[in-house]
Amino acid sequence: MRCIGAGDYRGRVPVSPDPGFVFSGTAIEWRGPAPFVFLEVPAETSDDIKEAARGQEYWGQVAVEVRIGDTDFRTALFPKDGRYLVPLKVAVRRAEGIEVGQRLTATLELAPRS
């Protein structure tokens, strides 16, 4: 298991035995001043997360703990067009060999805001 924590890539973010939300989506590129890569959360799963996170969101973002493959990390979901996007840091993409357009399966849990 590879663990990548917020700000400290050597940190461990535990994922509890509760499976939380499990979904599959596509890694997409969002062009800006620098290219960013996100995992699209399906609309139905986004609706479920929004309901479960009511009162925990901050400026529309939701703090989460995510597992993709063997890599655990903490991040915040970004809202876009009524759905959520999971930011995929370079360290996560390298650890899992993630490419834009690749289909991924993720496990996601709500995390306390820090």
PDB file of N, CA and C in Angstrom:
ATOM      1  N   MET A   1       0.851  -1.174   0.000  1.00  0.00           N
ATOM      2  CA  MET A   1       0.000   0.000   0.000  1.00  0.00           C
ATOM      3  C   MET A   1       0.892   1.231   0.000  1.00  0.00           C
ATOM      4  N   ARG A   2       0.617   2.166  -0.890  1.00  0.00           N
ATOM      5  CA  ARG A   2       1.309   3.449  -0.915  1.00  0.00           C
ATOM      6  C   ARG A   2       0.388   4.475  -0.281  1.00  0.00           C
ATOM      7  N   CYS A   3       0.924   5.312   0.577  1.00  0.00           N
ATOM      8  CA  CYS A   3       0.101   6.318   1.247  1.00  0.00           C
ATOM      9  C   CYS A   3       0.650   7.691   0.949  1.00  0.00           C
ATOM     10  N   ILE A   4      -0.212   8.559   0.513  1.00  0.00           N
ATOM     11  CA  ILE A   4       0.193   9.911   0.176  1.00  0.00           C
ATOM     12  C   ILE A   4      -0.706  10.854   0.948  1.00  0.00           C
ATOM     13  N   GLY A   5      -0.134  11.614   1.889  1.00  0.00           N
ATOM     14  CA  GLY A   5      -0.909  12.531   2.715  1.00  0.00           C
ATOM     15  C   GLY A   5      -0.905  13.930   2.141  1.00  0.00           C
ATOM     16  N   ALA A   6      -1.791  14.752   2.617  1.00  0.00           N
ATOM     17  CA  ALA A   6      -1.893  16.137   2.160  1.00  0.00           C
ATOM     18  C   ALA A   6      -0.639  16.894   2.552  1.00  0.00           C
ATOM     19  N   GLY A   7       0.100  17.370   1.564  1.00  0.00           N
ATOM     20  CA  GLY A   7       1.281  18.175   1.822  1.00  0.00           C
ATOM     21  C   GLY A   7       2.518  17.371   2.171  1.00  0.00           C
ATOM     22  N   ASP A   8       2.380  16.192   2.695  1.00  0.00           N
ATOM     23  CA  ASP A   8       3.522  15.352   3.058  1.00  0.00           C
ATOM     24  C   ASP A   8       3.315  14.002   2.402  1.00  0.00           C
ATOM     25  N   TYR A   9       4.009  13.754   1.318  1.00  0.00           N
ATOM     26  CA  TYR A   9       3.780  12.552   0.535  1.00  0.00           C
ATOM     27  C   TYR A   9       4.241  11.285   1.236  1.00  0.00           C
ATOM     28  N   ARG A  10       4.889  11.420   2.386  1.00  0.00           N
ATOM     29  CA  ARG A  10       5.277  10.246   3.152  1.00  0.00           C
ATOM     30  C   ARG A  10       4.237   9.917   4.205  1.00  0.00           C
ATOM     31  N   GLY A  11       3.269  10.795   4.407  1.00  0.00           N
ATOM     32  CA  GLY A  11       2.258  10.598   5.451  1.00  0.00           C
ATOM     33  C   GLY A  11       1.278   9.502   5.094  1.00  0.00           C
ATOM     34  N   ARG A  12       0.640   8.945   6.089  1.00  0.00           N
ATOM     35  CA  ARG A  12      -0.342   7.886   5.868  1.00  0.00           C
ATOM     36  C   ARG A  12      -1.732   8.408   6.176  1.00  0.00           C
ATOM     37  N   VAL A  13      -2.638   8.186   5.275  1.00  0.00           N
ATOM     38  CA  VAL A  13      -4.040   8.530   5.490  1.00  0.00           C
ATOM     39  C   VAL A  13      -4.793   7.217   5.600  1.00  0.00           C
ATOM     40  N   PRO A  14      -5.250   6.843   6.800  1.00  0.00           N
ATOM     41  CA  PRO A  14      -5.940   5.561   6.927  1.00  0.00           C
ATOM     42  C   PRO A  14      -7.314   5.595   6.272  1.00  0.00           C
ATOM     43  N   VAL A  15      -7.661   4.504   5.652  1.00  0.00           N
ATOM     44  CA  VAL A  15      -9.002   4.343   5.093  1.00  0.00           C
ATOM     45  C   VAL A  15      -9.678   3.273   5.939  1.00  0.00           C
ATOM     46  N   SER A  16     -10.843   3.597   6.494  1.00  0.00           N
ATOM     47  CA  SER A  16     -11.519   2.690   7.424  1.00  0.00           C
ATOM     48  C   SER A  16     -12.089   1.477   6.688  1.00  0.00           C
ATOM     49  N   PRO A  17     -12.477   0.435   7.438  1.00  0.00           N
ATOM     50  CA  PRO A  17     -13.070  -0.746   6.807  1.00  0.00           C
ATOM     51  C   PRO A  17     -14.400  -0.454   6.107  1.00  0.00           C
ATOM     52  N   ASP A  18     -15.104   0.630   6.506  1.00  0.00           N
ATOM     53  CA  ASP A  18     -16.355   1.008   5.844  1.00  0.00           C
ATOM     54  C   ASP A  18     -16.021   1.413   4.411  1.00  0.00           C
ATOM     55  N   PRO A  19     -16.621   0.772   3.410  1.00  0.00           N
ATOM     56  CA  PRO A  19     -16.231   1.058   2.039  1.00  0.00           C
ATOM     57  C   PRO A  19     -16.598   2.451   1.550  1.00  0.00           C
ATOM     58  N   GLY A  20     -17.465   3.177   2.231  1.00  0.00           N
ATOM     59  CA  GLY A  20     -17.820   4.520   1.785  1.00  0.00           C
ATOM     60  C   GLY A  20     -18.463   4.483   0.409  1.00  0.00           C
ATOM     61  N   PHE A  21     -17.957   5.295  -0.501  1.00  0.00           N
ATOM     62  CA  PHE A  21     -18.466   5.371  -1.867  1.00  0.00           C
ATOM     63  C   PHE A  21     -17.455   4.706  -2.788  1.00  0.00           C
ATOM     64  N   VAL A  22     -17.889   3.755  -3.576  1.00  0.00           N
ATOM     65  CA  VAL A  22     -17.026   3.095  -4.553  1.00  0.00           C
ATOM     66  C   VAL A  22     -17.601   3.414  -5.929  1.00  0.00           C
ATOM     67  N   PHE A  23     -16.747   3.908  -6.831  1.00  0.00           N
ATOM     68  CA  PHE A  23     -17.225   4.289  -8.156  1.00  0.00           C
ATOM     69  C   PHE A  23     -16.099   4.168  -9.174  1.00  0.00           C
ATOM     70  N   SER A  24     -16.475   4.176 -10.432  1.00  0.00           N
ATOM     71  CA  SER A  24     -15.515   4.196 -11.535  1.00  0.00           C
ATOM     72  C   SER A  24     -15.751   5.456 -12.340  1.00  0.00           C
ATOM     73  N   GLY A  25     -14.673   6.013 -12.854  1.00  0.00           N
ATOM     74  CA  GLY A  25     -14.754   7.220 -13.662  1.00  0.00           C
ATOM     75  C   GLY A  25     -13.521   7.330 -14.538  1.00  0.00           C
ATOM     76  N   THR A  26     -13.480   8.376 -15.332  1.00  0.00           N
ATOM     77  CA  THR A  26     -12.392   8.597 -16.276  1.00  0.00           C
ATOM     78  C   THR A  26     -11.507   9.739 -15.798  1.00  0.00           C
ATOM     79  N   ALA A  27     -10.196   9.567 -15.940  1.00  0.00           N
ATOM     80  CA  ALA A  27      -9.248  10.639 -15.634  1.00  0.00           C
ATOM     81  C   ALA A  27      -9.305  11.651 -16.774  1.00  0.00           C
ATOM     82  N   ILE A  28      -9.587  12.907 -16.424  1.00  0.00           N
ATOM     83  CA  ILE A  28      -9.703  13.962 -17.438  1.00  0.00           C
ATOM     84  C   ILE A  28      -8.686  15.059 -17.157  1.00  0.00           C
ATOM     85  N   GLU A  29      -8.344  15.801 -18.201  1.00  0.00           N
ATOM     86  CA  GLU A  29      -7.435  16.936 -18.052  1.00  0.00           C
ATOM     87  C   GLU A  29      -8.249  18.216 -18.110  1.00  0.00           C
ATOM     88  N   TRP A  30      -7.952  19.125 -17.201  1.00  0.00           N
ATOM     89  CA  TRP A  30      -8.596  20.429 -17.173  1.00  0.00           C
ATOM     90  C   TRP A  30      -7.492  21.445 -17.396  1.00  0.00           C
ATOM     91  N   ARG A  31      -7.546  22.094 -18.507  1.00  0.00           N
ATOM     92  CA  ARG A  31      -6.496  23.056 -18.853  1.00  0.00           C
ATOM     93  C   ARG A  31      -6.714  24.365 -18.115  1.00  0.00           C
ATOM     94  N   GLY A  32      -5.644  24.905 -17.628  1.00  0.00           N
ATOM     95  CA  GLY A  32      -5.637  26.195 -16.955  1.00  0.00           C
ATOM     96  C   GLY A  32      -4.239  26.741 -17.110  1.00  0.00           C
ATOM     97  N   PRO A  33      -3.786  27.541 -16.147  1.00  0.00           N
ATOM     98  CA  PRO A  33      -2.400  27.996 -16.216  1.00  0.00           C
ATOM     99  C   PRO A  33      -1.431  26.807 -16.250  1.00  0.00           C
ATOM    100  N   ALA A  34      -1.809  25.719 -15.609  1.00  0.00           N
ATOM    101  CA  ALA A  34      -1.056  24.463 -15.672  1.00  0.00           C
ATOM    102  C   ALA A  34      -2.093  23.369 -15.870  1.00  0.00           C
ATOM    103  N   PRO A  35      -1.755  22.295 -16.561  1.00  0.00           N
ATOM    104  CA  PRO A  35      -2.758  21.237 -16.709  1.00  0.00           C
ATOM    105  C   PRO A  35      -3.004  20.534 -15.380  1.00  0.00           C
ATOM    106  N   PHE A  36      -4.265  20.262 -15.103  1.00  0.00           N
ATOM    107  CA  PHE A  36      -4.665  19.537 -13.902  1.00  0.00           C
ATOM    108  C   PHE A  36      -5.396  18.283 -14.349  1.00  0.00           C
ATOM    109  N   VAL A  37      -5.247  17.210 -13.580  1.00  0.00           N
ATOM    110  CA  VAL A  37      -5.924  15.959 -13.904  1.00  0.00           C
ATOM    111  C   VAL A  37      -6.884  15.638 -12.769  1.00  0.00           C
ATOM    112  N   PHE A  38      -8.104  15.269 -13.140  1.00  0.00           N
ATOM    113  CA  PHE A  38      -9.159  14.953 -12.182  1.00  0.00           C
ATOM    114  C   PHE A  38      -9.794  13.622 -12.553  1.00  0.00           C
ATOM    115  N   LEU A  39     -10.377  12.978 -11.558  1.00  0.00           N
ATOM    116  CA  LEU A  39     -11.207  11.796 -11.774  1.00  0.00           C
ATOM    117  C   LEU A  39     -12.651  12.253 -11.698  1.00  0.00           C
ATOM    118  N   GLU A  40     -13.426  11.977 -12.747  1.00  0.00           N
ATOM    119  CA  GLU A  40     -14.840  12.349 -12.758  1.00  0.00           C
ATOM    120  C   GLU A  40     -15.635  11.405 -11.864  1.00  0.00           C
ATOM    121  N   VAL A  41     -16.444  11.988 -10.987  1.00  0.00           N
ATOM    122  CA  VAL A  41     -17.348  11.200 -10.148  1.00  0.00           C
ATOM    123  C   VAL A  41     -18.691  11.133 -10.875  1.00  0.00           C
ATOM    124  N   PRO A  42     -19.262   9.945 -11.047  1.00  0.00           N
ATOM    125  CA  PRO A  42     -20.556   9.838 -11.735  1.00  0.00           C
ATOM    126  C   PRO A  42     -21.632  10.696 -11.055  1.00  0.00           C
ATOM    127  N   ALA A  43     -22.617  11.126 -11.835  1.00  0.00           N
ATOM    128  CA  ALA A  43     -23.671  12.012 -11.336  1.00  0.00           C
ATOM    129  C   ALA A  43     -24.407  11.420 -10.136  1.00  0.00           C
ATOM    130  N   GLU A  44     -24.784  10.147 -10.209  1.00  0.00           N
ATOM    131  CA  GLU A  44     -25.536   9.531  -9.107  1.00  0.00           C
ATOM    132  C   GLU A  44     -24.693   9.483  -7.825  1.00  0.00           C
ATOM    133  N   THR A  45     -23.420   9.122  -7.958  1.00  0.00           N
ATOM    134  CA  THR A  45     -22.534   9.090  -6.791  1.00  0.00           C
ATOM    135  C   THR A  45     -22.325  10.500  -6.253  1.00  0.00           C
ATOM    136  N   SER A  46     -22.193  11.479  -7.144  1.00  0.00           N
ATOM    137  CA  SER A  46     -22.047  12.877  -6.717  1.00  0.00           C
ATOM    138  C   SER A  46     -23.254  13.320  -5.904  1.00  0.00           C
ATOM    139  N   ASP A  47     -24.450  12.940  -6.344  1.00  0.00           N
ATOM    140  CA  ASP A  47     -25.667  13.280  -5.596  1.00  0.00           C
ATOM    141  C   ASP A  47     -25.642  12.655  -4.202  1.00  0.00           C
ATOM    142  N   ASP A  48     -25.214  11.392  -4.116  1.00  0.00           N
ATOM    143  CA  ASP A  48     -25.136  10.705  -2.822  1.00  0.00           C
ATOM    144  C   ASP A  48     -24.114  11.375  -1.900  1.00  0.00           C
ATOM    145  N   ILE A  49     -22.973  11.759  -2.460  1.00  0.00           N
ATOM    146  CA  ILE A  49     -21.934  12.432  -1.667  1.00  0.00           C
ATOM    147  C   ILE A  49     -22.449  13.778  -1.173  1.00  0.00           C
ATOM    148  N   LYS A  50     -23.095  14.524  -2.063  1.00  0.00           N
ATOM    149  CA  LYS A  50     -23.615  15.842  -1.683  1.00  0.00           C
ATOM    150  C   LYS A  50     -24.590  15.722  -0.518  1.00  0.00           C
ATOM    151  N   GLU A  51     -25.447  14.719  -0.566  1.00  0.00           N
ATOM    152  CA  GLU A  51     -26.409  14.495   0.518  1.00  0.00           C
ATOM    153  C   GLU A  51     -25.688  14.129   1.813  1.00  0.00           C
ATOM    154  N   ALA A  52     -24.724  13.218   1.730  1.00  0.00           N
ATOM    155  CA  ALA A  52     -23.997  12.761   2.923  1.00  0.00           C
ATOM    156  C   ALA A  52     -23.114  13.863   3.511  1.00  0.00           C
ATOM    157  N   ALA A  53     -22.636  14.782   2.661  1.00  0.00           N
ATOM    158  CA  ALA A  53     -21.704  15.826   3.103  1.00  0.00           C
ATOM    159  C   ALA A  53     -22.403  17.123   3.496  1.00  0.00           C
ATOM    160  N   ARG A  54     -23.720  17.123   3.488  1.00  0.00           N
ATOM    161  CA  ARG A  54     -24.464  18.342   3.820  1.00  0.00           C
ATOM    162  C   ARG A  54     -23.953  18.929   5.130  1.00  0.00           C
ATOM    163  N   GLY A  55     -23.549  20.193   5.092  1.00  0.00           N
ATOM    164  CA  GLY A  55     -23.033  20.874   6.272  1.00  0.00           C
ATOM    165  C   GLY A  55     -21.534  20.713   6.458  1.00  0.00           C
ATOM    166  N   GLN A  56     -20.903  19.842   5.684  1.00  0.00           N
ATOM    167  CA  GLN A  56     -19.458  19.645   5.784  1.00  0.00           C
ATOM    168  C   GLN A  56     -18.700  20.308   4.638  1.00  0.00           C
ATOM    169  N   GLU A  57     -19.433  20.768   3.626  1.00  0.00           N
ATOM    170  CA  GLU A  57     -18.756  21.363   2.484  1.00  0.00           C
ATOM    171  C   GLU A  57     -18.275  22.772   2.819  1.00  0.00           C
ATOM    172  N   TYR A  58     -17.239  23.196   2.112  1.00  0.00           N
ATOM    173  CA  TYR A  58     -16.655  24.515   2.315  1.00  0.00           C
ATOM    174  C   TYR A  58     -16.415  25.112   0.938  1.00  0.00           C
ATOM    175  N   TRP A  59     -17.142  26.169   0.597  1.00  0.00           N
ATOM    176  CA  TRP A  59     -17.086  26.774  -0.730  1.00  0.00           C
ATOM    177  C   TRP A  59     -17.356  25.719  -1.804  1.00  0.00           C
ATOM    178  N   GLY A  60     -18.250  24.781  -1.498  1.00  0.00           N
ATOM    179  CA  GLY A  60     -18.608  23.741  -2.449  1.00  0.00           C
ATOM    180  C   GLY A  60     -17.682  22.540  -2.451  1.00  0.00           C
ATOM    181  N   GLN A  61     -16.537  22.668  -1.792  1.00  0.00           N
ATOM    182  CA  GLN A  61     -15.585  21.558  -1.743  1.00  0.00           C
ATOM    183  C   GLN A  61     -15.893  20.652  -0.562  1.00  0.00           C
ATOM    184  N   VAL A  62     -15.566  19.371  -0.724  1.00  0.00           N
ATOM    185  CA  VAL A  62     -15.818  18.376   0.313  1.00  0.00           C
ATOM    186  C   VAL A  62     -14.511  17.636   0.593  1.00  0.00           C
ATOM    187  N   ALA A  63     -14.072  17.651   1.861  1.00  0.00           N
ATOM    188  CA  ALA A  63     -12.849  16.934   2.249  1.00  0.00           C
ATOM    189  C   ALA A  63     -13.111  15.431   2.210  1.00  0.00           C
ATOM    190  N   VAL A  64     -12.190  14.688   1.587  1.00  0.00           N
ATOM    191  CA  VAL A  64     -12.353  13.242   1.443  1.00  0.00           C
ATOM    192  C   VAL A  64     -11.019  12.515   1.590  1.00  0.00           C
ATOM    193  N   GLU A  65     -11.124  11.236   1.916  1.00  0.00           N
ATOM    194  CA  GLU A  65      -9.997  10.310   1.868  1.00  0.00           C
ATOM    195  C   GLU A  65     -10.300   9.352   0.732  1.00  0.00           C
ATOM    196  N   VAL A  66      -9.313   9.124  -0.122  1.00  0.00           N
ATOM    197  CA  VAL A  66      -9.524   8.371  -1.357  1.00  0.00           C
ATOM    198  C   VAL A  66      -8.513   7.233  -1.456  1.00  0.00           C
ATOM    199  N   ARG A  67      -8.947   6.133  -2.030  1.00  0.00           N
ATOM    200  CA  ARG A  67      -8.035   5.040  -2.387  1.00  0.00           C
ATOM    201  C   ARG A  67      -8.244   4.736  -3.863  1.00  0.00           C
ATOM    202  N   ILE A  68      -7.146   4.765  -4.598  1.00  0.00           N
ATOM    203  CA  ILE A  68      -7.125   4.324  -5.990  1.00  0.00           C
ATOM    204  C   ILE A  68      -6.012   3.291  -6.079  1.00  0.00           C
ATOM    205  N   GLY A  69      -6.348   2.097  -6.470  1.00  0.00           N
ATOM    206  CA  GLY A  69      -5.351   1.024  -6.511  1.00  0.00           C
ATOM    207  C   GLY A  69      -4.797   0.772  -5.124  1.00  0.00           C
ATOM    208  N   ASP A  70      -3.483   0.895  -4.981  1.00  0.00           N
ATOM    209  CA  ASP A  70      -2.818   0.692  -3.692  1.00  0.00           C
ATOM    210  C   ASP A  70      -2.460   2.009  -3.018  1.00  0.00           C
ATOM    211  N   THR A  71      -2.978   3.125  -3.523  1.00  0.00           N
ATOM    212  CA  THR A  71      -2.586   4.442  -3.021  1.00  0.00           C
ATOM    213  C   THR A  71      -3.739   5.118  -2.293  1.00  0.00           C
ATOM    214  N   ASP A  72      -3.478   5.532  -1.054  1.00  0.00           N
ATOM    215  CA  ASP A  72      -4.436   6.294  -0.243  1.00  0.00           C
ATOM    216  C   ASP A  72      -3.979   7.741  -0.217  1.00  0.00           C
ATOM    217  N   PHE A  73      -4.928   8.672  -0.302  1.00  0.00           N
ATOM    218  CA  PHE A  73      -4.571  10.085  -0.196  1.00  0.00           C
ATOM    219  C   PHE A  73      -5.776  10.888   0.270  1.00  0.00           C
ATOM    220  N   ARG A  74      -5.497  12.090   0.742  1.00  0.00           N
ATOM    221  CA  ARG A  74      -6.535  12.997   1.218  1.00  0.00           C
ATOM    222  C   ARG A  74      -6.577  14.199   0.286  1.00  0.00           C
ATOM    223  N   THR A  75      -7.787  14.644  -0.041  1.00  0.00           N
ATOM    224  CA  THR A  75      -7.946  15.777  -0.937  1.00  0.00           C
ATOM    225  C   THR A  75      -9.322  16.390  -0.699  1.00  0.00           C
ATOM    226  N   ALA A  76      -9.729  17.304  -1.549  1.00  0.00           N
ATOM    227  CA  ALA A  76     -11.069  17.894  -1.494  1.00  0.00           C
ATOM    228  C   ALA A  76     -11.693  17.789  -2.877  1.00  0.00           C
ATOM    229  N   LEU A  77     -12.937  17.340  -2.915  1.00  0.00           N
ATOM    230  CA  LEU A  77     -13.671  17.255  -4.174  1.00  0.00           C
ATOM    231  C   LEU A  77     -14.003  18.651  -4.663  1.00  0.00           C
ATOM    232  N   PHE A  78     -13.910  18.861  -5.973  1.00  0.00           N
ATOM    233  CA  PHE A  78     -14.306  20.125  -6.589  1.00  0.00           C
ATOM    234  C   PHE A  78     -15.656  19.932  -7.264  1.00  0.00           C
ATOM    235  N   PRO A  79     -16.605  20.849  -7.051  1.00  0.00           N
ATOM    236  CA  PRO A  79     -17.875  20.755  -7.777  1.00  0.00           C
ATOM    237  C   PRO A  79     -17.711  21.302  -9.198  1.00  0.00           C
ATOM    238  N   LYS A  80     -18.311  20.630 -10.175  1.00  0.00           N
ATOM    239  CA  LYS A  80     -18.305  21.127 -11.550  1.00  0.00           C
ATOM    240  C   LYS A  80     -19.502  20.547 -12.279  1.00  0.00           C
ATOM    241  N   ASP A  81     -20.346  21.428 -12.788  1.00  0.00           N
ATOM    242  CA  ASP A  81     -21.514  21.027 -13.582  1.00  0.00           C
ATOM    243  C   ASP A  81     -22.403  20.011 -12.868  1.00  0.00           C
ATOM    244  N   GLY A  82     -22.635  20.230 -11.562  1.00  0.00           N
ATOM    245  CA  GLY A  82     -23.527  19.369 -10.800  1.00  0.00           C
ATOM    246  C   GLY A  82     -22.915  18.049 -10.363  1.00  0.00           C
ATOM    247  N   ARG A  83     -21.632  17.870 -10.630  1.00  0.00           N
ATOM    248  CA  ARG A  83     -20.926  16.651 -10.229  1.00  0.00           C
ATOM    249  C   ARG A  83     -19.671  17.051  -9.466  1.00  0.00           C
ATOM    250  N   TYR A  84     -18.983  16.050  -8.952  1.00  0.00           N
ATOM    251  CA  TYR A  84     -17.706  16.301  -8.286  1.00  0.00           C
ATOM    252  C   TYR A  84     -16.559  15.768  -9.127  1.00  0.00           C
ATOM    253  N   LEU A  85     -15.397  16.396  -8.933  1.00  0.00           N
ATOM    254  CA  LEU A  85     -14.145  15.951  -9.529  1.00  0.00           C
ATOM    255  C   LEU A  85     -13.159  15.682  -8.403  1.00  0.00           C
ATOM    256  N   VAL A  86     -12.403  14.575  -8.506  1.00  0.00           N
ATOM    257  CA  VAL A  86     -11.351  14.244  -7.543  1.00  0.00           C
ATOM    258  C   VAL A  86     -10.027  14.701  -8.145  1.00  0.00           C
ATOM    259  N   PRO A  87      -9.336  15.679  -7.520  1.00  0.00           N
ATOM    260  CA  PRO A  87      -8.025  16.079  -8.034  1.00  0.00           C
ATOM    261  C   PRO A  87      -7.029  14.926  -7.888  1.00  0.00           C
ATOM    262  N   LEU A  88      -6.278  14.661  -8.948  1.00  0.00           N
ATOM    263  CA  LEU A  88      -5.273  13.601  -8.927  1.00  0.00           C
ATOM    264  C   LEU A  88      -3.888  14.239  -8.962  1.00  0.00           C
ATOM    265  N   LYS A  89      -3.254  14.314  -7.798  1.00  0.00           N
ATOM    266  CA  LYS A  89      -1.919  14.902  -7.687  1.00  0.00           C
ATOM    267  C   LYS A  89      -0.928  14.102  -8.528  1.00  0.00           C
ATOM    268  N   VAL A  90       0.156  14.771  -8.914  1.00  0.00           N
ATOM    269  CA  VAL A  90       1.207  14.111  -9.684  1.00  0.00           C
ATOM    270  C   VAL A  90       1.712  12.873  -8.946  1.00  0.00           C
ATOM    271  N   ALA A  91       1.899  12.974  -7.628  1.00  0.00           N
ATOM    272  CA  ALA A  91       2.411  11.838  -6.849  1.00  0.00           C
ATOM    273  C   ALA A  91       1.469  10.638  -6.938  1.00  0.00           C
ATOM    274  N   VAL A  92       0.168  10.884  -6.927  1.00  0.00           N
ATOM    275  CA  VAL A  92      -0.815   9.803  -7.041  1.00  0.00           C
ATOM    276  C   VAL A  92      -0.767   9.212  -8.449  1.00  0.00           C
ATOM    277  N   ARG A  93      -0.732  10.078  -9.454  1.00  0.00           N
ATOM    278  CA  ARG A  93      -0.699   9.599 -10.842  1.00  0.00           C
ATOM    279  C   ARG A  93       0.547   8.759 -11.109  1.00  0.00           C
ATOM    280  N   ARG A  94       1.674   9.207 -10.595  1.00  0.00           N
ATOM    281  CA  ARG A  94       2.914   8.437 -10.782  1.00  0.00           C
ATOM    282  C   ARG A  94       2.854   7.102 -10.049  1.00  0.00           C
ATOM    283  N   ALA A  95       2.370   7.122  -8.813  1.00  0.00           N
ATOM    284  CA  ALA A  95       2.312   5.893  -8.007  1.00  0.00           C
ATOM    285  C   ALA A  95       1.443   4.828  -8.668  1.00  0.00           C
ATOM    286  N   GLU A  96       0.373   5.254  -9.339  1.00  0.00           N
ATOM    287  CA  GLU A  96      -0.576   4.313  -9.941  1.00  0.00           C
ATOM    288  C   GLU A  96      -0.462   4.227 -11.462  1.00  0.00           C
ATOM    289  N   GLY A  97       0.451   4.997 -12.058  1.00  0.00           N
ATOM    290  CA  GLY A  97       0.602   4.968 -13.513  1.00  0.00           C
ATOM    291  C   GLY A  97      -0.630   5.469 -14.242  1.00  0.00           C
ATOM    292  N   ILE A  98      -1.268   6.505 -13.703  1.00  0.00           N
ATOM    293  CA  ILE A  98      -2.529   7.022 -14.254  1.00  0.00           C
ATOM    294  C   ILE A  98      -2.258   7.949 -15.437  1.00  0.00           C
ATOM    295  N   GLU A  99      -2.999   7.733 -16.514  1.00  0.00           N
ATOM    296  CA  GLU A  99      -2.935   8.558 -17.717  1.00  0.00           C
ATOM    297  C   GLU A  99      -4.303   9.188 -17.977  1.00  0.00           C
ATOM    298  N   VAL A 100      -4.311  10.356 -18.620  1.00  0.00           N
ATOM    299  CA  VAL A 100      -5.566  11.000 -19.014  1.00  0.00           C
ATOM    300  C   VAL A 100      -6.327  10.046 -19.929  1.00  0.00           C
ATOM    301  N   GLY A 101      -7.631   9.915 -19.697  1.00  0.00           N
ATOM    302  CA  GLY A 101      -8.488   9.036 -20.482  1.00  0.00           C
ATOM    303  C   GLY A 101      -8.634   7.646 -19.895  1.00  0.00           C
ATOM    304  N   GLN A 102      -7.809   7.332 -18.895  1.00  0.00           N
ATOM    305  CA  GLN A 102      -7.859   6.009 -18.266  1.00  0.00           C
ATOM    306  C   GLN A 102      -9.086   5.887 -17.369  1.00  0.00           C
ATOM    307  N   ARG A 103      -9.703   4.727 -17.377  1.00  0.00           N
ATOM    308  CA  ARG A 103     -10.849   4.437 -16.502  1.00  0.00           C
ATOM    309  C   ARG A 103     -10.299   3.919 -15.181  1.00  0.00           C
ATOM    310  N   LEU A 104     -10.766   4.496 -14.065  1.00  0.00           N
ATOM    311  CA  LEU A 104     -10.266   4.167 -12.730  1.00  0.00           C
ATOM    312  C   LEU A 104     -11.413   3.806 -11.810  1.00  0.00           C
ATOM    313  N   THR A 105     -11.122   3.004 -10.802  1.00  0.00           N
ATOM    314  CA  THR A 105     -12.073   2.726  -9.732  1.00  0.00           C
ATOM    315  C   THR A 105     -11.497   3.310  -8.454  1.00  0.00           C
ATOM    316  N   ALA A 106     -12.333   4.019  -7.704  1.00  0.00           N
ATOM    317  CA  ALA A 106     -11.894   4.677  -6.470  1.00  0.00           C
ATOM    318  C   ALA A 106     -12.847   4.353  -5.332  1.00  0.00           C
ATOM    319  N   THR A 107     -12.290   4.347  -4.133  1.00  0.00           N
ATOM    320  CA  THR A 107     -13.071   4.273  -2.902  1.00  0.00           C
ATOM    321  C   THR A 107     -12.891   5.609  -2.211  1.00  0.00           C
ATOM    322  N   LEU A 108     -13.984   6.207  -1.774  1.00  0.00           N
ATOM    323  CA  LEU A 108     -13.946   7.559  -1.232  1.00  0.00           C
ATOM    324  C   LEU A 108     -14.733   7.602   0.068  1.00  0.00           C
ATOM    325  N   GLU A 109     -14.174   8.271   1.060  1.00  0.00           N
ATOM    326  CA  GLU A 109     -14.862   8.480   2.340  1.00  0.00           C
ATOM    327  C   GLU A 109     -14.827   9.960   2.681  1.00  0.00           C
ATOM    328  N   LEU A 110     -15.872  10.443   3.314  1.00  0.00           N
ATOM    329  CA  LEU A 110     -15.873  11.816   3.804  1.00  0.00           C
ATOM    330  C   LEU A 110     -14.841  11.927   4.912  1.00  0.00           C
ATOM    331  N   ALA A 111     -14.151  13.058   4.960  1.00  0.00           N
ATOM    332  CA  ALA A 111     -13.122  13.284   5.975  1.00  0.00           C
ATOM    333  C   ALA A 111     -13.458  14.560   6.725  1.00  0.00           C
ATOM    334  N   PRO A 112     -13.051  14.648   7.979  1.00  0.00           N
ATOM    335  CA  PRO A 112     -13.272  15.898   8.700  1.00  0.00           C
ATOM    336  C   PRO A 112     -12.469  17.012   8.047  1.00  0.00           C
ATOM    337  N   ARG A 113     -13.035  18.210   8.019  1.00  0.00           N
ATOM    338  CA  ARG A 113     -12.286  19.364   7.489  1.00  0.00           C
ATOM    339  C   ARG A 113     -11.136  19.666   8.420  1.00  0.00           C
ATOM    340  N   SER A 114     -10.004  19.990   7.817  1.00  0.00           N
ATOM    341  CA  SER A 114      -8.848  20.340   8.658  1.00  0.00           C
ATOM    342  C   SER A 114      -8.439  21.768   8.457  1.00  0.00           C
TER     343      SER A 114
END
